């Protein structure tokens, strides 16, 4: 470590060290909010280097020894959500994002991603997207991207072809949450996947998008015999029909409603028949 780096870390250690120690019972009550703001502002004045320096204080395992650094980073994430702090928030978000995907321990990267869930912005989207294939931190990255929204769909879309298993399912669900129309073709393919949960997530995502090209897919999903999958597929088909009505595609919506009305003759599915009747 260079001399100026040592000086910076010593200064940061002094600032972070102002966080109160645990009391005699081992309980952490934290500083007063006024004192906390002074600490936060001191760190923000140091720019990205200070934020990265505090991240360097984190240990891979949250064993309590780095509680002051964790408190400061999380406190900053909360503090920077205030109106008027947009520039500082973007700086903080970018500094945290710079610590993802590198040599930092996965436990630290996971913690950083969770703080980006609170205070991240578009400037962090690309770095978070690169974590989507990493099973150790993928879920944290996905949740942060969904909270950020800006640039999120693009990252999930780019990552999807390389993802497998749980990480792929998470991305498909996320694209559905985001109703990303540009992902429709990929989700249509995923709707035929061998894994049941992947199929269901893809059909639901297509319904959320109001994808007119998914009518046949939704009806097929609604007509399976397996009870759970049939219920979920039917729910997605009804959602798709509602979205199609809202977008003016009434003929396609009518096809779904009519099919469900005519095929749900069993008393156990009377509620579906009634929903379809109301749709018609």
C-alpha atoms as a PDB file:
ATOM      1  CA  UNK A   1       0.000   0.000   0.000  1.00  0.00           C
ATOM      2  CA  UNK A   2       1.356   3.412  -0.935  1.00  0.00           C
ATOM      3  CA  UNK A   3       1.998   6.057   1.677  1.00  0.00           C
ATOM      4  CA  UNK A   4      -0.947   8.236   0.674  1.00  0.00           C
ATOM      5  CA  UNK A   5      -3.203   5.180   0.769  1.00  0.00           C
ATOM      6  CA  UNK A   6      -2.044   4.458   4.313  1.00  0.00           C
ATOM      7  CA  UNK A   7      -2.777   8.056   5.322  1.00  0.00           C
ATOM      8  CA  UNK A   8      -6.256   7.825   3.784  1.00  0.00           C
ATOM      9  CA  UNK A   9      -7.041   4.535   5.544  1.00  0.00           C
ATOM     10  CA  UNK A  10      -5.823   5.948   8.853  1.00  0.00           C
ATOM     11  CA  UNK A  11      -8.049   8.985   8.401  1.00  0.00           C
ATOM     12  CA  UNK A  12     -11.014   6.813   7.458  1.00  0.00           C
ATOM     13  CA  UNK A  13     -10.400   4.563  10.448  1.00  0.00           C
ATOM     14  CA  UNK A  14     -10.500   7.659  12.646  1.00  0.00           C
ATOM     15  CA  UNK A  15     -13.790   8.832  11.121  1.00  0.00           C
ATOM     16  CA  UNK A  16     -15.451   5.425  11.255  1.00  0.00           C
ATOM     17  CA  UNK A  17     -14.067   4.978  14.763  1.00  0.00           C
ATOM     18  CA  UNK A  18     -16.368   7.751  15.942  1.00  0.00           C
ATOM     19  CA  UNK A  19     -19.225   5.251  15.832  1.00  0.00           C
ATOM     20  CA  UNK A  20     -19.910   4.289  19.487  1.00  0.00           C
ATOM     21  CA  UNK A  21     -18.726   0.962  20.842  1.00  0.00           C
ATOM     22  CA  UNK A  22     -21.114  -1.697  22.056  1.00  0.00           C
ATOM     23  CA  UNK A  23     -22.416  -1.144  25.564  1.00  0.00           C
ATOM     24  CA  UNK A  24     -21.663  -3.447  28.499  1.00  0.00           C
ATOM     25  CA  UNK A  25     -24.409  -5.819  27.408  1.00  0.00           C
ATOM     26  CA  UNK A  26     -23.016  -6.026  23.899  1.00  0.00           C
ATOM     27  CA  UNK A  27     -25.842  -3.945  22.464  1.00  0.00           C
ATOM     28  CA  UNK A  28     -25.281  -1.413  19.703  1.00  0.00           C
ATOM     29  CA  UNK A  29     -27.401   1.701  19.994  1.00  0.00           C
ATOM     30  CA  UNK A  30     -25.511   3.808  17.482  1.00  0.00           C
ATOM     31  CA  UNK A  31     -24.751   7.530  17.434  1.00  0.00           C
ATOM     32  CA  UNK A  32     -27.344  10.271  17.546  1.00  0.00           C
ATOM     33  CA  UNK A  33     -28.618  11.158  14.091  1.00  0.00           C
ATOM     34  CA  UNK A  34     -26.866  14.537  14.231  1.00  0.00           C
ATOM     35  CA  UNK A  35     -23.554  12.852  15.042  1.00  0.00           C
ATOM     36  CA  UNK A  36     -24.151  10.255  12.326  1.00  0.00           C
ATOM     37  CA  UNK A  37     -24.718  12.971   9.716  1.00  0.00           C
ATOM     38  CA  UNK A  38     -21.391  14.576  10.624  1.00  0.00           C
ATOM     39  CA  UNK A  39     -19.663  11.240  10.057  1.00  0.00           C
ATOM     40  CA  UNK A  40     -21.487  10.688   6.785  1.00  0.00           C
ATOM     41  CA  UNK A  41     -20.681  14.165   5.489  1.00  0.00           C
ATOM     42  CA  UNK A  42     -17.008  13.749   6.410  1.00  0.00           C
ATOM     43  CA  UNK A  43     -16.834  10.580   4.334  1.00  0.00           C
ATOM     44  CA  UNK A  44     -18.748  12.058   1.411  1.00  0.00           C
ATOM     45  CA  UNK A  45     -16.334  14.987   1.332  1.00  0.00           C
ATOM     46  CA  UNK A  46     -13.569  12.498   0.560  1.00  0.00           C
ATOM     47  CA  UNK A  47     -15.306  11.356  -2.632  1.00  0.00           C
ATOM     48  CA  UNK A  48     -15.304   7.828  -4.083  1.00  0.00           C
ATOM     49  CA  UNK A  49     -11.921   6.987  -2.541  1.00  0.00           C
ATOM     50  CA  UNK A  50     -13.367   7.354   0.934  1.00  0.00           C
ATOM     51  CA  UNK A  51     -16.329   5.119   0.149  1.00  0.00           C
ATOM     52  CA  UNK A  52     -14.061   2.464  -1.329  1.00  0.00           C
ATOM     53  CA  UNK A  53     -11.819   2.787   1.718  1.00  0.00           C
ATOM     54  CA  UNK A  54     -14.697   1.996   4.046  1.00  0.00           C
ATOM     55  CA  UNK A  55     -15.664  -0.996   1.887  1.00  0.00           C
ATOM     56  CA  UNK A  56     -12.092  -2.209   2.380  1.00  0.00           C
ATOM     57  CA  UNK A  57     -12.803  -2.391   6.119  1.00  0.00           C
ATOM     58  CA  UNK A  58     -15.513  -4.992   5.622  1.00  0.00           C
ATOM     59  CA  UNK A  59     -14.823  -8.619   6.429  1.00  0.00           C
ATOM     60  CA  UNK A  60     -16.143 -11.476   4.357  1.00  0.00           C
ATOM     61  CA  UNK A  61     -18.123 -12.914   7.263  1.00  0.00           C
ATOM     62  CA  UNK A  62     -20.377 -10.639   9.283  1.00  0.00           C
ATOM     63  CA  UNK A  63     -18.992 -11.753  12.641  1.00  0.00           C
ATOM     64  CA  UNK A  64     -19.512  -8.417  14.359  1.00  0.00           C
ATOM     65  CA  UNK A  65     -15.926  -7.210  14.182  1.00  0.00           C
ATOM     66  CA  UNK A  66     -16.626  -4.758  11.355  1.00  0.00           C
ATOM     67  CA  UNK A  67     -19.953  -3.461  12.657  1.00  0.00           C
ATOM     68  CA  UNK A  68     -18.850   0.172  12.508  1.00  0.00           C
ATOM     69  CA  UNK A  69     -17.980   0.041   8.811  1.00  0.00           C
ATOM     70  CA  UNK A  70     -21.222  -1.818   8.054  1.00  0.00           C
ATOM     71  CA  UNK A  71     -23.210   0.735   9.994  1.00  0.00           C
ATOM     72  CA  UNK A  72     -21.578   3.611   8.137  1.00  0.00           C
ATOM     73  CA  UNK A  73     -22.160   2.155   4.670  1.00  0.00           C
ATOM     74  CA  UNK A  74     -25.783   1.262   5.374  1.00  0.00           C
ATOM     75  CA  UNK A  75     -26.348   4.599   7.083  1.00  0.00           C
ATOM     76  CA  UNK A  76     -24.979   6.408   4.043  1.00  0.00           C
ATOM     77  CA  UNK A  77     -27.314   4.441   1.786  1.00  0.00           C
ATOM     78  CA  UNK A  78     -30.257   5.585   3.887  1.00  0.00           C
ATOM     79  CA  UNK A  79     -29.009   9.160   4.272  1.00  0.00           C
ATOM     80  CA  UNK A  80     -28.506   9.663   0.544  1.00  0.00           C
ATOM     81  CA  UNK A  81     -32.104   8.876  -0.215  1.00  0.00           C
ATOM     82  CA  UNK A  82     -32.995  12.381   0.951  1.00  0.00           C
ATOM     83  CA  UNK A  83     -34.078  15.035  -1.544  1.00  0.00           C
ATOM     84  CA  UNK A  84     -31.161  17.188  -2.604  1.00  0.00           C
ATOM     85  CA  UNK A  85     -28.623  14.378  -2.217  1.00  0.00           C
ATOM     86  CA  UNK A  86     -28.883  13.122  -5.794  1.00  0.00           C
ATOM     87  CA  UNK A  87     -25.299  13.966  -6.815  1.00  0.00           C
ATOM     88  CA  UNK A  88     -23.829  12.452  -3.660  1.00  0.00           C
ATOM     89  CA  UNK A  89     -26.023   9.374  -4.064  1.00  0.00           C
ATOM     90  CA  UNK A  90     -24.782   8.854  -7.616  1.00  0.00           C
ATOM     91  CA  UNK A  91     -21.175   9.164  -6.421  1.00  0.00           C
ATOM     92  CA  UNK A  92     -21.813   6.695  -3.599  1.00  0.00           C
ATOM     93  CA  UNK A  93     -23.586   4.279  -5.933  1.00  0.00           C
ATOM     94  CA  UNK A  94     -20.773   4.417  -8.469  1.00  0.00           C
ATOM     95  CA  UNK A  95     -18.138   3.882  -5.788  1.00  0.00           C
ATOM     96  CA  UNK A  96     -19.937   0.808  -4.451  1.00  0.00           C
ATOM     97  CA  UNK A  97     -20.457  -0.538  -7.961  1.00  0.00           C
ATOM     98  CA  UNK A  98     -16.704  -0.312  -8.571  1.00  0.00           C
ATOM     99  CA  UNK A  99     -16.220  -2.936  -5.848  1.00  0.00           C
ATOM    100  CA  UNK A 100     -18.350  -5.572  -7.547  1.00  0.00           C
ATOM    101  CA  UNK A 101     -17.006  -8.375  -9.689  1.00  0.00           C
ATOM    102  CA  UNK A 102     -13.397  -7.941  -8.609  1.00  0.00           C
ATOM    103  CA  UNK A 103     -11.259  -9.439  -5.873  1.00  0.00           C
ATOM    104  CA  UNK A 104     -13.445  -8.463  -2.942  1.00  0.00           C
ATOM    105  CA  UNK A 105     -14.745 -11.511  -1.033  1.00  0.00           C
ATOM    106  CA  UNK A 106     -18.186 -12.664  -2.094  1.00  0.00           C
ATOM    107  CA  UNK A 107     -19.586 -11.869   1.345  1.00  0.00           C
ATOM    108  CA  UNK A 108     -18.466  -8.273   0.955  1.00  0.00           C
ATOM    109  CA  UNK A 109     -19.813  -8.026  -2.589  1.00  0.00           C
ATOM    110  CA  UNK A 110     -23.146  -9.353  -1.386  1.00  0.00           C
ATOM    111  CA  UNK A 111     -23.291  -6.684   1.303  1.00  0.00           C
ATOM    112  CA  UNK A 112     -22.391  -3.982  -1.215  1.00  0.00           C
ATOM    113  CA  UNK A 113     -25.115  -5.206  -3.582  1.00  0.00           C
ATOM    114  CA  UNK A 114     -27.646  -5.021  -0.744  1.00  0.00           C
ATOM    115  CA  UNK A 115     -26.731  -1.390  -0.150  1.00  0.00           C
ATOM    116  CA  UNK A 116     -27.187  -0.693  -3.859  1.00  0.00           C
ATOM    117  CA  UNK A 117     -30.668  -2.116  -3.396  1.00  0.00           C
ATOM    118  CA  UNK A 118     -31.226   0.875  -1.095  1.00  0.00           C
ATOM    119  CA  UNK A 119     -29.277   3.642  -2.827  1.00  0.00           C
ATOM    120  CA  UNK A 120     -28.198   2.381  -6.236  1.00  0.00           C
ATOM    121  CA  UNK A 121     -28.841   4.105  -9.544  1.00  0.00           C
ATOM    122  CA  UNK A 122     -28.324   3.509 -13.237  1.00  0.00           C
ATOM    123  CA  UNK A 123     -24.574   3.967 -12.779  1.00  0.00           C
ATOM    124  CA  UNK A 124     -24.515   0.654 -10.870  1.00  0.00           C
ATOM    125  CA  UNK A 125     -26.638  -1.387 -13.288  1.00  0.00           C
ATOM    126  CA  UNK A 126     -23.825  -2.720 -15.458  1.00  0.00           C
ATOM    127  CA  UNK A 127     -21.723  -3.904 -12.525  1.00  0.00           C
ATOM    128  CA  UNK A 128     -24.737  -5.599 -10.945  1.00  0.00           C
ATOM    129  CA  UNK A 129     -25.605  -7.239 -14.255  1.00  0.00           C
ATOM    130  CA  UNK A 130     -22.213  -8.941 -14.325  1.00  0.00           C
ATOM    131  CA  UNK A 131     -23.061 -10.676 -11.034  1.00  0.00           C
ATOM    132  CA  UNK A 132     -26.269 -12.291 -12.266  1.00  0.00           C
ATOM    133  CA  UNK A 133     -24.466 -15.496 -13.250  1.00  0.00           C
ATOM    134  CA  UNK A 134     -22.676 -15.816  -9.892  1.00  0.00           C
ATOM    135  CA  UNK A 135     -24.751 -18.072  -7.604  1.00  0.00           C
ATOM    136  CA  UNK A 136     -23.151 -16.555  -4.498  1.00  0.00           C
ATOM    137  CA  UNK A 137     -24.435 -13.041  -5.164  1.00  0.00           C
ATOM    138  CA  UNK A 138     -26.906 -13.343  -8.053  1.00  0.00           C
ATOM    139  CA  UNK A 139     -30.017 -12.904  -5.933  1.00  0.00           C
ATOM    140  CA  UNK A 140     -28.656  -9.761  -4.268  1.00  0.00           C
ATOM    141  CA  UNK A 141     -27.738  -8.302  -7.649  1.00  0.00           C
ATOM    142  CA  UNK A 142     -31.163  -9.122  -9.084  1.00  0.00           C
ATOM    143  CA  UNK A 143     -32.980  -7.502  -6.180  1.00  0.00           C
ATOM    144  CA  UNK A 144     -30.819  -4.386  -6.464  1.00  0.00           C
ATOM    145  CA  UNK A 145     -31.494  -4.123 -10.201  1.00  0.00           C
ATOM    146  CA  UNK A 146     -35.220  -4.461  -9.657  1.00  0.00           C
ATOM    147  CA  UNK A 147     -35.092  -1.677  -7.071  1.00  0.00           C
ATOM    148  CA  UNK A 148     -33.048   0.552  -9.391  1.00  0.00           C
ATOM    149  CA  UNK A 149     -35.185  -0.173 -12.498  1.00  0.00           C
ATOM    150  CA  UNK A 150     -33.218   2.192 -14.755  1.00  0.00           C
ATOM    151  CA  UNK A 151     -31.108  -0.031 -17.032  1.00  0.00           C
ATOM    152  CA  UNK A 152     -32.234  -3.201 -15.242  1.00  0.00           C
ATOM    153  CA  UNK A 153     -34.153  -4.867 -18.074  1.00  0.00           C
ATOM    154  CA  UNK A 154     -31.174  -4.548 -20.402  1.00  0.00           C
ATOM    155  CA  UNK A 155     -28.915  -6.278 -17.875  1.00  0.00           C
ATOM    156  CA  UNK A 156     -31.309  -9.180 -17.296  1.00  0.00           C
ATOM    157  CA  UNK A 157     -31.858  -9.496 -21.044  1.00  0.00           C
ATOM    158  CA  UNK A 158     -28.113  -9.600 -21.776  1.00  0.00           C
ATOM    159  CA  UNK A 159     -27.425 -12.124 -19.048  1.00  0.00           C
ATOM    160  CA  UNK A 160     -30.298 -14.508 -19.778  1.00  0.00           C
ATOM    161  CA  UNK A 161     -28.676 -16.631 -22.551  1.00  0.00           C
ATOM    162  CA  UNK A 162     -25.783 -17.546 -20.256  1.00  0.00           C
ATOM    163  CA  UNK A 163     -27.824 -18.269 -17.134  1.00  0.00           C
ATOM    164  CA  UNK A 164     -28.862 -21.665 -15.884  1.00  0.00           C
ATOM    165  CA  UNK A 165     -30.896 -23.058 -13.013  1.00  0.00           C
ATOM    166  CA  UNK A 166     -31.977 -20.735 -10.232  1.00  0.00           C
ATOM    167  CA  UNK A 167     -30.170 -17.768 -11.755  1.00  0.00           C
ATOM    168  CA  UNK A 168     -32.049 -18.211 -15.041  1.00  0.00           C
ATOM    169  CA  UNK A 169     -35.379 -18.494 -13.233  1.00  0.00           C
ATOM    170  CA  UNK A 170     -34.639 -15.305 -11.288  1.00  0.00           C
ATOM    171  CA  UNK A 171     -33.873 -13.405 -14.490  1.00  0.00           C
ATOM    172  CA  UNK A 172     -37.055 -14.629 -16.190  1.00  0.00           C
ATOM    173  CA  UNK A 173     -39.119 -13.588 -13.190  1.00  0.00           C
ATOM    174  CA  UNK A 174     -37.400 -10.197 -13.168  1.00  0.00           C
ATOM    175  CA  UNK A 175     -38.112  -9.597 -16.845  1.00  0.00           C
ATOM    176  CA  UNK A 176     -41.744 -10.357 -16.109  1.00  0.00           C
ATOM    177  CA  UNK A 177     -41.787  -7.918 -13.203  1.00  0.00           C
ATOM    178  CA  UNK A 178     -40.297  -5.289 -15.496  1.00  0.00           C
ATOM    179  CA  UNK A 179     -42.729  -6.232 -18.292  1.00  0.00           C
ATOM    180  CA  UNK A 180     -39.847  -5.924 -20.729  1.00  0.00           C
ATOM    181  CA  UNK A 181     -41.410  -6.315 -24.173  1.00  0.00           C
ATOM    182  CA  UNK A 182     -37.996  -6.722 -25.799  1.00  0.00           C
ATOM    183  CA  UNK A 183     -37.630 -10.014 -23.937  1.00  0.00           C
ATOM    184  CA  UNK A 184     -40.835 -11.514 -25.336  1.00  0.00           C
ATOM    185  CA  UNK A 185     -39.141 -13.825 -27.820  1.00  0.00           C
ATOM    186  CA  UNK A 186     -36.764 -15.193 -25.185  1.00  0.00           C
ATOM    187  CA  UNK A 187     -39.648 -15.784 -22.793  1.00  0.00           C
ATOM    188  CA  UNK A 188     -41.687 -17.542 -25.459  1.00  0.00           C
ATOM    189  CA  UNK A 189     -38.816 -20.017 -25.793  1.00  0.00           C
ATOM    190  CA  UNK A 190     -38.562 -20.343 -22.011  1.00  0.00           C
ATOM    191  CA  UNK A 191     -42.285 -21.161 -21.873  1.00  0.00           C
ATOM    192  CA  UNK A 192     -41.446 -24.574 -23.396  1.00  0.00           C
ATOM    193  CA  UNK A 193     -38.635 -25.311 -20.923  1.00  0.00           C
ATOM    194  CA  UNK A 194     -38.547 -28.715 -19.212  1.00  0.00           C
ATOM    195  CA  UNK A 195     -38.561 -27.081 -15.776  1.00  0.00           C
ATOM    196  CA  UNK A 196     -42.081 -26.325 -14.556  1.00  0.00           C
ATOM    197  CA  UNK A 197     -41.210 -23.170 -12.592  1.00  0.00           C
ATOM    198  CA  UNK A 198     -39.319 -21.755 -15.552  1.00  0.00           C
ATOM    199  CA  UNK A 199     -42.321 -22.360 -17.833  1.00  0.00           C
ATOM    200  CA  UNK A 200     -44.723 -20.756 -15.396  1.00  0.00           C
ATOM    201  CA  UNK A 201     -42.497 -17.728 -14.841  1.00  0.00           C
ATOM    202  CA  UNK A 202     -42.123 -17.237 -18.587  1.00  0.00           C
ATOM    203  CA  UNK A 203     -45.871 -17.437 -19.257  1.00  0.00           C
ATOM    204  CA  UNK A 204     -46.568 -15.035 -16.396  1.00  0.00           C
ATOM    205  CA  UNK A 205     -43.953 -12.643 -17.753  1.00  0.00           C
ATOM    206  CA  UNK A 206     -45.506 -12.737 -21.225  1.00  0.00           C
ATOM    207  CA  UNK A 207     -48.898 -12.036 -19.676  1.00  0.00           C
ATOM    208  CA  UNK A 208     -47.472  -9.074 -17.783  1.00  0.00           C
ATOM    209  CA  UNK A 209     -46.150  -7.720 -21.071  1.00  0.00           C
ATOM    210  CA  UNK A 210     -49.504  -8.192 -22.783  1.00  0.00           C
ATOM    211  CA  UNK A 211     -47.661 -10.066 -25.527  1.00  0.00           C
ATOM    212  CA  UNK A 212     -50.114 -10.709 -28.339  1.00  0.00           C
ATOM    213  CA  UNK A 213     -47.869 -13.478 -29.641  1.00  0.00           C
ATOM    214  CA  UNK A 214     -48.328 -15.476 -26.461  1.00  0.00           C
ATOM    215  CA  UNK A 215     -52.037 -16.304 -26.764  1.00  0.00           C
ATOM    216  CA  UNK A 216     -51.448 -19.914 -27.848  1.00  0.00           C
ATOM    217  CA  UNK A 217     -48.722 -20.316 -25.227  1.00  0.00           C
ATOM    218  CA  UNK A 218     -51.003 -19.058 -22.457  1.00  0.00           C
ATOM    219  CA  UNK A 219     -53.880 -21.298 -23.506  1.00  0.00           C
ATOM    220  CA  UNK A 220     -51.595 -24.311 -23.612  1.00  0.00           C
ATOM    221  CA  UNK A 221     -50.317 -23.500 -20.135  1.00  0.00           C
ATOM    222  CA  UNK A 222     -53.887 -23.138 -18.885  1.00  0.00           C
ATOM    223  CA  UNK A 223     -54.970 -26.521 -20.243  1.00  0.00           C
ATOM    224  CA  UNK A 224     -52.400 -28.804 -18.615  1.00  0.00           C
ATOM    225  CA  UNK A 225     -53.711 -31.489 -16.272  1.00  0.00           C
ATOM    226  CA  UNK A 226     -51.326 -30.965 -13.340  1.00  0.00           C
ATOM    227  CA  UNK A 227     -53.450 -29.024 -10.801  1.00  0.00           C
ATOM    228  CA  UNK A 228     -50.892 -26.456  -9.616  1.00  0.00           C
ATOM    229  CA  UNK A 229     -49.582 -25.718 -13.084  1.00  0.00           C
ATOM    230  CA  UNK A 230     -53.136 -25.537 -14.450  1.00  0.00           C
ATOM    231  CA  UNK A 231     -54.119 -22.943 -11.830  1.00  0.00           C
ATOM    232  CA  UNK A 232     -51.032 -20.822 -12.447  1.00  0.00           C
ATOM    233  CA  UNK A 233     -51.337 -21.126 -16.218  1.00  0.00           C
ATOM    234  CA  UNK A 234     -55.001 -20.153 -16.098  1.00  0.00           C
ATOM    235  CA  UNK A 235     -54.198 -17.142 -13.945  1.00  0.00           C
ATOM    236  CA  UNK A 236     -51.606 -16.009 -16.483  1.00  0.00           C
ATOM    237  CA  UNK A 237     -54.035 -16.544 -19.370  1.00  0.00           C
ATOM    238  CA  UNK A 238     -56.623 -14.339 -17.666  1.00  0.00           C
ATOM    239  CA  UNK A 239     -53.987 -11.704 -16.952  1.00  0.00           C
ATOM    240  CA  UNK A 240     -52.901 -11.753 -20.585  1.00  0.00           C
ATOM    241  CA  UNK A 241     -56.495 -11.335 -21.729  1.00  0.00           C
ATOM    242  CA  UNK A 242     -56.933  -8.325 -19.444  1.00  0.00           C
ATOM    243  CA  UNK A 243     -53.732  -6.751 -20.750  1.00  0.00           C
ATOM    244  CA  UNK A 244     -54.843  -7.344 -24.333  1.00  0.00           C
ATOM    245  CA  UNK A 245     -58.180  -5.668 -23.684  1.00  0.00           C
ATOM    246  CA  UNK A 246     -56.374  -2.681 -22.171  1.00  0.00           C
ATOM    247  CA  UNK A 247     -54.180  -2.357 -25.264  1.00  0.00           C
ATOM    248  CA  UNK A 248     -57.117  -2.550 -27.665  1.00  0.00           C
ATOM    249  CA  UNK A 249     -56.502  -6.132 -28.860  1.00  0.00           C
ATOM    250  CA  UNK A 250     -59.999  -7.300 -28.053  1.00  0.00           C
ATOM    251  CA  UNK A 251     -60.223 -10.110 -30.614  1.00  0.00           C
ATOM    252  CA  UNK A 252     -57.226 -11.894 -29.095  1.00  0.00           C
ATOM    253  CA  UNK A 253     -58.541 -11.306 -25.581  1.00  0.00           C
ATOM    254  CA  UNK A 254     -61.949 -12.668 -26.579  1.00  0.00           C
ATOM    255  CA  UNK A 255     -60.316 -15.828 -27.830  1.00  0.00           C
ATOM    256  CA  UNK A 256     -58.794 -16.461 -24.410  1.00  0.00           C
ATOM    257  CA  UNK A 257     -61.956 -15.653 -22.479  1.00  0.00           C
ATOM    258  CA  UNK A 258     -64.094 -17.776 -24.795  1.00  0.00           C
ATOM    259  CA  UNK A 259     -61.750 -20.760 -24.573  1.00  0.00           C
ATOM    260  CA  UNK A 260     -61.728 -20.659 -20.777  1.00  0.00           C
ATOM    261  CA  UNK A 261     -65.498 -20.191 -20.607  1.00  0.00           C
ATOM    262  CA  UNK A 262     -66.125 -23.204 -22.841  1.00  0.00           C
ATOM    263  CA  UNK A 263     -63.550 -25.560 -21.299  1.00  0.00           C
ATOM    264  CA  UNK A 264     -64.073 -24.947 -17.578  1.00  0.00           C
ATOM    265  CA  UNK A 265     -67.095 -27.158 -17.003  1.00  0.00           C
ATOM    266  CA  UNK A 266     -66.023 -28.825 -13.760  1.00  0.00           C
ATOM    267  CA  UNK A 267     -67.586 -27.254 -10.640  1.00  0.00           C
ATOM    268  CA  UNK A 268     -64.120 -26.858  -9.109  1.00  0.00           C
ATOM    269  CA  UNK A 269     -63.301 -24.398 -11.900  1.00  0.00           C
ATOM    270  CA  UNK A 270     -66.540 -22.468 -11.817  1.00  0.00           C
ATOM    271  CA  UNK A 271     -64.663 -19.365 -10.689  1.00  0.00           C
ATOM    272  CA  UNK A 272     -62.599 -19.466 -13.900  1.00  0.00           C
ATOM    273  CA  UNK A 273     -65.728 -19.816 -16.016  1.00  0.00           C
ATOM    274  CA  UNK A 274     -67.258 -16.836 -14.221  1.00  0.00           C
ATOM    275  CA  UNK A 275     -64.106 -14.719 -14.697  1.00  0.00           C
ATOM    276  CA  UNK A 276     -64.128 -15.595 -18.397  1.00  0.00           C
ATOM    277  CA  UNK A 277     -67.835 -14.749 -18.663  1.00  0.00           C
ATOM    278  CA  UNK A 278     -67.214 -11.350 -17.121  1.00  0.00           C
ATOM    279  CA  UNK A 279     -64.325 -10.813 -19.497  1.00  0.00           C
ATOM    280  CA  UNK A 280     -66.535 -11.599 -22.463  1.00  0.00           C
END
